[in-house]
């Protein structure tokens, strides 16, 4: 399986000529969802879900389908009957040759006064886990953890402990659009020294074999 990092929290996976895209939001490239056979969206916040990008991807490929939390599915299901699927914690499905299991229920706490929205993480082919905006620990081994390194809802100590708890073979940064280049070495050093798993950062458009 080939992983290509797109901007912010968007990632693209390719296998056997099929393409799966997770979270083509407003901070990702305008064409991030185009060409996808499978679209996964973790939650409704605009940096993960940008309706225009999803509609463009579904329009471009009439066979493409979307799996997401119910709050997102309700915005699109009427326009794309039979192609938009609401999923929740514990669900499993096969899409275009990818095996996907759903883990997690709620977005991380931003502040006690801010209501928490639904958030679902996706474990793809029993290998790569994208948690969305939560530090969900799947009840299954994780080879590659897509790691939210910087957000209004986390701090570096929590990110480090998350890697330690999941125990992946490797962690790769996502949710990094907020992180200034001048601060990246600080995060990289902390994760490399304290996370307990090899950690790497891919630039937008950069790929890695999984």
C-alpha atoms as a PDB file:
ATOM      1  CA  UNK A   1       0.000   0.000   0.000  1.00  0.00           C
ATOM      2  CA  UNK A   2       1.286   3.459  -0.916  1.00  0.00           C
ATOM      3  CA  UNK A   3       0.692   6.419   1.392  1.00  0.00           C
ATOM      4  CA  UNK A   4       0.790   9.978   0.079  1.00  0.00           C
ATOM      5  CA  UNK A   5       0.594  12.812   2.583  1.00  0.00           C
ATOM      6  CA  UNK A   6      -1.596  15.697   1.529  1.00  0.00           C
ATOM      7  CA  UNK A   7      -1.885  19.001   3.398  1.00  0.00           C
ATOM      8  CA  UNK A   8      -2.955  19.018   7.065  1.00  0.00           C
ATOM      9  CA  UNK A   9      -4.880  15.846   8.005  1.00  0.00           C
ATOM     10  CA  UNK A  10      -5.560  14.532   4.516  1.00  0.00           C
ATOM     11  CA  UNK A  11      -3.893  11.300   3.418  1.00  0.00           C
ATOM     12  CA  UNK A  12      -4.206   9.231   0.245  1.00  0.00           C
ATOM     13  CA  UNK A  13      -3.763   5.457   0.108  1.00  0.00           C
ATOM     14  CA  UNK A  14      -3.303   3.469  -3.100  1.00  0.00           C
ATOM     15  CA  UNK A  15      -3.469  -0.301  -3.561  1.00  0.00           C
ATOM     16  CA  UNK A  16      -4.105  -2.505  -6.588  1.00  0.00           C
ATOM     17  CA  UNK A  17      -5.053   0.488  -8.711  1.00  0.00           C
ATOM     18  CA  UNK A  18      -7.650   1.797  -6.251  1.00  0.00           C
ATOM     19  CA  UNK A  19      -7.445   4.990  -4.193  1.00  0.00           C
ATOM     20  CA  UNK A  20      -8.743   5.833  -0.722  1.00  0.00           C
ATOM     21  CA  UNK A  21      -8.656   9.402   0.651  1.00  0.00           C
ATOM     22  CA  UNK A  22      -9.181  10.416   4.279  1.00  0.00           C
ATOM     23  CA  UNK A  23     -10.249  13.910   5.391  1.00  0.00           C
ATOM     24  CA  UNK A  24      -9.929  16.167   2.343  1.00  0.00           C
ATOM     25  CA  UNK A  25     -10.770  19.289   4.319  1.00  0.00           C
ATOM     26  CA  UNK A  26     -10.502  23.020   3.748  1.00  0.00           C
ATOM     27  CA  UNK A  27      -6.790  23.061   4.617  1.00  0.00           C
ATOM     28  CA  UNK A  28      -5.982  20.303   2.110  1.00  0.00           C
ATOM     29  CA  UNK A  29      -5.399  20.818  -1.597  1.00  0.00           C
ATOM     30  CA  UNK A  30      -8.458  21.750  -3.645  1.00  0.00           C
ATOM     31  CA  UNK A  31      -8.112  18.520  -5.649  1.00  0.00           C
ATOM     32  CA  UNK A  32      -7.298  16.296  -2.664  1.00  0.00           C
ATOM     33  CA  UNK A  33     -10.371  14.094  -3.058  1.00  0.00           C
ATOM     34  CA  UNK A  34     -10.366  13.822  -6.842  1.00  0.00           C
ATOM     35  CA  UNK A  35      -9.639  10.368  -8.177  1.00  0.00           C
ATOM     36  CA  UNK A  36     -10.765   8.625  -4.997  1.00  0.00           C
ATOM     37  CA  UNK A  37     -12.686   5.372  -5.140  1.00  0.00           C
ATOM     38  CA  UNK A  38     -13.251   5.552  -1.380  1.00  0.00           C
ATOM     39  CA  UNK A  39     -13.660   8.686   0.762  1.00  0.00           C
ATOM     40  CA  UNK A  40     -13.462   8.583   4.557  1.00  0.00           C
ATOM     41  CA  UNK A  41     -14.246  11.613   6.734  1.00  0.00           C
ATOM     42  CA  UNK A  42     -13.625  11.489  10.470  1.00  0.00           C
ATOM     43  CA  UNK A  43     -15.843  14.413  11.556  1.00  0.00           C
ATOM     44  CA  UNK A  44     -17.603  17.600  10.587  1.00  0.00           C
ATOM     45  CA  UNK A  45     -15.011  20.296  11.345  1.00  0.00           C
ATOM     46  CA  UNK A  46     -14.039  22.174   8.177  1.00  0.00           C
ATOM     47  CA  UNK A  47     -10.329  21.354   8.310  1.00  0.00           C
ATOM     48  CA  UNK A  48     -11.380  17.693   7.869  1.00  0.00           C
ATOM     49  CA  UNK A  49     -14.641  18.010   5.935  1.00  0.00           C
ATOM     50  CA  UNK A  50     -15.071  20.517   3.139  1.00  0.00           C
ATOM     51  CA  UNK A  51     -18.347  19.775   1.402  1.00  0.00           C
ATOM     52  CA  UNK A  52     -17.291  21.153  -1.960  1.00  0.00           C
ATOM     53  CA  UNK A  53     -14.250  18.869  -2.117  1.00  0.00           C
ATOM     54  CA  UNK A  54     -16.343  15.813  -1.258  1.00  0.00           C
ATOM     55  CA  UNK A  55     -19.042  16.686  -3.798  1.00  0.00           C
ATOM     56  CA  UNK A  56     -16.390  17.242  -6.475  1.00  0.00           C
ATOM     57  CA  UNK A  57     -14.880  13.827  -5.770  1.00  0.00           C
ATOM     58  CA  UNK A  58     -18.251  12.055  -5.818  1.00  0.00           C
ATOM     59  CA  UNK A  59     -19.258  13.854  -9.014  1.00  0.00           C
ATOM     60  CA  UNK A  60     -15.951  13.054 -10.726  1.00  0.00           C
ATOM     61  CA  UNK A  61     -16.263   9.313 -10.039  1.00  0.00           C
ATOM     62  CA  UNK A  62     -19.853   8.032 -10.044  1.00  0.00           C
ATOM     63  CA  UNK A  63     -18.628   4.787  -8.443  1.00  0.00           C
ATOM     64  CA  UNK A  64     -16.957   6.557  -5.514  1.00  0.00           C
ATOM     65  CA  UNK A  65     -18.532   6.215  -2.084  1.00  0.00           C
ATOM     66  CA  UNK A  66     -18.200   7.991   1.257  1.00  0.00           C
ATOM     67  CA  UNK A  67     -18.080   6.556   4.775  1.00  0.00           C
ATOM     68  CA  UNK A  68     -18.278   8.996   7.656  1.00  0.00           C
ATOM     69  CA  UNK A  69     -19.909   9.988  10.940  1.00  0.00           C
ATOM     70  CA  UNK A  70     -23.674  10.453  10.814  1.00  0.00           C
ATOM     71  CA  UNK A  71     -23.453  14.250  11.215  1.00  0.00           C
ATOM     72  CA  UNK A  72     -21.503  14.464   7.949  1.00  0.00           C
ATOM     73  CA  UNK A  73     -23.472  11.771   6.125  1.00  0.00           C
ATOM     74  CA  UNK A  74     -26.717  13.647   6.710  1.00  0.00           C
ATOM     75  CA  UNK A  75     -25.386  16.619   4.736  1.00  0.00           C
ATOM     76  CA  UNK A  76     -24.778  14.549   1.596  1.00  0.00           C
ATOM     77  CA  UNK A  77     -26.894  11.390   1.613  1.00  0.00           C
ATOM     78  CA  UNK A  78     -29.900  12.939  -0.176  1.00  0.00           C
ATOM     79  CA  UNK A  79     -27.749  14.156  -3.065  1.00  0.00           C
ATOM     80  CA  UNK A  80     -25.910  10.835  -3.449  1.00  0.00           C
ATOM     81  CA  UNK A  81     -28.401   8.058  -2.643  1.00  0.00           C
ATOM     82  CA  UNK A  82     -26.782   4.748  -1.817  1.00  0.00           C
ATOM     83  CA  UNK A  83     -23.278   6.206  -1.933  1.00  0.00           C
ATOM     84  CA  UNK A  84     -22.997   7.853   1.503  1.00  0.00           C
ATOM     85  CA  UNK A  85     -22.724   5.602   4.559  1.00  0.00           C
ATOM     86  CA  UNK A  86     -22.931   6.603   8.235  1.00  0.00           C
ATOM     87  CA  UNK A  87     -20.642   4.522  10.448  1.00  0.00           C
ATOM     88  CA  UNK A  88     -19.771   4.403  14.124  1.00  0.00           C
ATOM     89  CA  UNK A  89     -17.479   2.722  16.612  1.00  0.00           C
ATOM     90  CA  UNK A  90     -17.225  -1.022  16.053  1.00  0.00           C
ATOM     91  CA  UNK A  91     -18.374  -0.983  12.431  1.00  0.00           C
ATOM     92  CA  UNK A  92     -16.363  -2.743   9.720  1.00  0.00           C
ATOM     93  CA  UNK A  93     -16.710  -2.648   5.954  1.00  0.00           C
ATOM     94  CA  UNK A  94     -14.928  -3.418   2.703  1.00  0.00           C
ATOM     95  CA  UNK A  95     -14.626  -0.705   0.055  1.00  0.00           C
ATOM     96  CA  UNK A  96     -12.811  -0.986  -3.292  1.00  0.00           C
ATOM     97  CA  UNK A  97     -10.570  -3.691  -1.878  1.00  0.00           C
ATOM     98  CA  UNK A  98      -9.743  -1.844   1.345  1.00  0.00           C
ATOM     99  CA  UNK A  99     -10.774  -3.373   4.680  1.00  0.00           C
ATOM    100  CA  UNK A 100     -11.787  -0.660   7.155  1.00  0.00           C
ATOM    101  CA  UNK A 101     -12.649  -0.857  10.855  1.00  0.00           C
ATOM    102  CA  UNK A 102     -14.072   2.102  12.788  1.00  0.00           C
ATOM    103  CA  UNK A 103     -12.757   3.122  16.194  1.00  0.00           C
ATOM    104  CA  UNK A 104     -13.790   6.019  18.419  1.00  0.00           C
ATOM    105  CA  UNK A 105     -16.885   8.088  19.061  1.00  0.00           C
ATOM    106  CA  UNK A 106     -16.101  11.683  20.094  1.00  0.00           C
ATOM    107  CA  UNK A 107     -13.820  14.561  19.195  1.00  0.00           C
ATOM    108  CA  UNK A 108     -11.187  15.377  21.808  1.00  0.00           C
ATOM    109  CA  UNK A 109     -12.108  18.035  24.379  1.00  0.00           C
ATOM    110  CA  UNK A 110     -11.270  21.527  23.115  1.00  0.00           C
ATOM    111  CA  UNK A 111     -12.705  23.212  26.227  1.00  0.00           C
ATOM    112  CA  UNK A 112     -15.399  22.065  28.646  1.00  0.00           C
ATOM    113  CA  UNK A 113     -17.659  24.833  27.320  1.00  0.00           C
ATOM    114  CA  UNK A 114     -17.345  23.610  23.709  1.00  0.00           C
ATOM    115  CA  UNK A 115     -19.736  20.764  22.816  1.00  0.00           C
ATOM    116  CA  UNK A 116     -17.981  17.652  21.529  1.00  0.00           C
ATOM    117  CA  UNK A 117     -18.934  16.423  18.059  1.00  0.00           C
ATOM    118  CA  UNK A 118     -18.846  12.865  16.774  1.00  0.00           C
ATOM    119  CA  UNK A 119     -15.434  11.689  15.561  1.00  0.00           C
ATOM    120  CA  UNK A 120     -14.626   8.297  14.057  1.00  0.00           C
ATOM    121  CA  UNK A 121     -11.143   6.941  13.429  1.00  0.00           C
ATOM    122  CA  UNK A 122     -10.368   4.505  10.595  1.00  0.00           C
ATOM    123  CA  UNK A 123      -8.058   1.473  10.690  1.00  0.00           C
ATOM    124  CA  UNK A 124      -7.312   0.558   7.076  1.00  0.00           C
ATOM    125  CA  UNK A 125      -6.273  -2.979   6.145  1.00  0.00           C
ATOM    126  CA  UNK A 126      -5.412  -3.663   9.777  1.00  0.00           C
ATOM    127  CA  UNK A 127      -2.349  -1.499   9.248  1.00  0.00           C
ATOM    128  CA  UNK A 128      -2.796   2.288   9.122  1.00  0.00           C
ATOM    129  CA  UNK A 129      -4.857   4.158  11.714  1.00  0.00           C
ATOM    130  CA  UNK A 130      -6.133   7.721  11.207  1.00  0.00           C
ATOM    131  CA  UNK A 131      -7.772   8.921  14.449  1.00  0.00           C
ATOM    132  CA  UNK A 132      -9.189  12.228  13.204  1.00  0.00           C
ATOM    133  CA  UNK A 133      -9.331  14.730  16.063  1.00  0.00           C
ATOM    134  CA  UNK A 134      -9.042  12.330  18.974  1.00  0.00           C
ATOM    135  CA  UNK A 135      -6.430  10.222  20.697  1.00  0.00           C
ATOM    136  CA  UNK A 136      -8.352   6.988  20.244  1.00  0.00           C
ATOM    137  CA  UNK A 137      -6.465   3.788  20.989  1.00  0.00           C
ATOM    138  CA  UNK A 138      -7.777   0.976  18.774  1.00  0.00           C
ATOM    139  CA  UNK A 139      -8.241  -2.464  20.297  1.00  0.00           C
ATOM    140  CA  UNK A 140      -6.014  -3.864  17.544  1.00  0.00           C
ATOM    141  CA  UNK A 141      -2.329  -3.591  16.624  1.00  0.00           C
ATOM    142  CA  UNK A 142      -1.355  -0.552  14.538  1.00  0.00           C
ATOM    143  CA  UNK A 143       1.544  -0.607  12.122  1.00  0.00           C
ATOM    144  CA  UNK A 144       1.404   3.045  10.983  1.00  0.00           C
ATOM    145  CA  UNK A 145      -0.179   5.678  13.205  1.00  0.00           C
ATOM    146  CA  UNK A 146      -1.183   8.950  11.592  1.00  0.00           C
ATOM    147  CA  UNK A 147      -0.335  11.261  14.455  1.00  0.00           C
ATOM    148  CA  UNK A 148      -2.134  14.588  15.131  1.00  0.00           C
ATOM    149  CA  UNK A 149       0.887  16.595  16.242  1.00  0.00           C
ATOM    150  CA  UNK A 150      -0.566  20.062  16.801  1.00  0.00           C
ATOM    151  CA  UNK A 151      -4.133  21.192  17.456  1.00  0.00           C
ATOM    152  CA  UNK A 152      -6.183  23.481  19.702  1.00  0.00           C
ATOM    153  CA  UNK A 153      -7.158  20.361  21.644  1.00  0.00           C
ATOM    154  CA  UNK A 154      -3.773  18.774  22.371  1.00  0.00           C
ATOM    155  CA  UNK A 155      -0.334  19.349  23.833  1.00  0.00           C
ATOM    156  CA  UNK A 156       2.951  17.599  23.116  1.00  0.00           C
ATOM    157  CA  UNK A 157       2.889  15.544  26.337  1.00  0.00           C
ATOM    158  CA  UNK A 158      -0.448  14.028  25.309  1.00  0.00           C
ATOM    159  CA  UNK A 159       0.849  13.313  21.806  1.00  0.00           C
ATOM    160  CA  UNK A 160       3.908  11.544  23.206  1.00  0.00           C
ATOM    161  CA  UNK A 161       1.807   9.455  25.584  1.00  0.00           C
ATOM    162  CA  UNK A 162      -0.542   8.586  22.740  1.00  0.00           C
ATOM    163  CA  UNK A 163       2.301   7.095  20.688  1.00  0.00           C
ATOM    164  CA  UNK A 164       3.473   5.167  23.741  1.00  0.00           C
ATOM    165  CA  UNK A 165      -0.005   3.738  24.316  1.00  0.00           C
ATOM    166  CA  UNK A 166      -0.718   2.755  20.700  1.00  0.00           C
ATOM    167  CA  UNK A 167       2.811   1.321  20.212  1.00  0.00           C
ATOM    168  CA  UNK A 168       2.859   1.535  16.393  1.00  0.00           C
ATOM    169  CA  UNK A 169       5.772   0.406  14.252  1.00  0.00           C
ATOM    170  CA  UNK A 170       6.001   4.009  13.053  1.00  0.00           C
ATOM    171  CA  UNK A 171       4.201   7.328  13.524  1.00  0.00           C
ATOM    172  CA  UNK A 172       3.711   9.851  10.704  1.00  0.00           C
ATOM    173  CA  UNK A 173       2.572  13.433  11.322  1.00  0.00           C
ATOM    174  CA  UNK A 174      -0.843  14.764  10.396  1.00  0.00           C
ATOM    175  CA  UNK A 175      -2.827  17.771  11.672  1.00  0.00           C
ATOM    176  CA  UNK A 176       0.226  19.917  11.115  1.00  0.00           C
ATOM    177  CA  UNK A 177      -1.061  22.979   9.225  1.00  0.00           C
ATOM    178  CA  UNK A 178      -1.109  25.004  12.442  1.00  0.00           C
ATOM    179  CA  UNK A 179       2.513  24.169  13.265  1.00  0.00           C
ATOM    180  CA  UNK A 180       5.031  26.820  12.217  1.00  0.00           C
ATOM    181  CA  UNK A 181       8.242  25.621  10.580  1.00  0.00           C
ATOM    182  CA  UNK A 182      10.313  27.263  13.335  1.00  0.00           C
ATOM    183  CA  UNK A 183       8.645  24.989  15.920  1.00  0.00           C
ATOM    184  CA  UNK A 184       8.857  21.733  13.999  1.00  0.00           C
ATOM    185  CA  UNK A 185      12.324  20.741  15.268  1.00  0.00           C
ATOM    186  CA  UNK A 186      11.044  21.031  18.840  1.00  0.00           C
ATOM    187  CA  UNK A 187       8.173  18.632  18.131  1.00  0.00           C
ATOM    188  CA  UNK A 188      10.357  16.300  16.070  1.00  0.00           C
ATOM    189  CA  UNK A 189      12.975  16.048  18.803  1.00  0.00           C
ATOM    190  CA  UNK A 190      10.417  15.434  21.546  1.00  0.00           C
ATOM    191  CA  UNK A 191       8.640  12.714  19.591  1.00  0.00           C
ATOM    192  CA  UNK A 192      11.862  11.074  18.425  1.00  0.00           C
ATOM    193  CA  UNK A 193      13.318  10.979  21.926  1.00  0.00           C
ATOM    194  CA  UNK A 194      10.224  10.211  23.979  1.00  0.00           C
ATOM    195  CA  UNK A 195       7.555   8.599  21.793  1.00  0.00           C
ATOM    196  CA  UNK A 196       9.028   5.114  21.817  1.00  0.00           C
ATOM    197  CA  UNK A 197       8.406   4.518  18.089  1.00  0.00           C
ATOM    198  CA  UNK A 198      10.143   5.767  14.940  1.00  0.00           C
ATOM    199  CA  UNK A 199       8.606   9.075  13.942  1.00  0.00           C
ATOM    200  CA  UNK A 200       8.665  10.802  10.574  1.00  0.00           C
ATOM    201  CA  UNK A 201       7.243  13.817   8.814  1.00  0.00           C
ATOM    202  CA  UNK A 202       6.223  13.720   5.158  1.00  0.00           C
ATOM    203  CA  UNK A 203       5.869  16.900   3.133  1.00  0.00           C
ATOM    204  CA  UNK A 204       2.718  17.512   1.134  1.00  0.00           C
ATOM    205  CA  UNK A 205       2.799  15.249  -1.902  1.00  0.00           C
ATOM    206  CA  UNK A 206       5.531  13.042  -0.450  1.00  0.00           C
ATOM    207  CA  UNK A 207       4.890   9.297  -0.450  1.00  0.00           C
ATOM    208  CA  UNK A 208       5.984   6.227   1.492  1.00  0.00           C
ATOM    209  CA  UNK A 209       5.471   2.502   0.969  1.00  0.00           C
ATOM    210  CA  UNK A 210       3.665   0.758   3.819  1.00  0.00           C
END
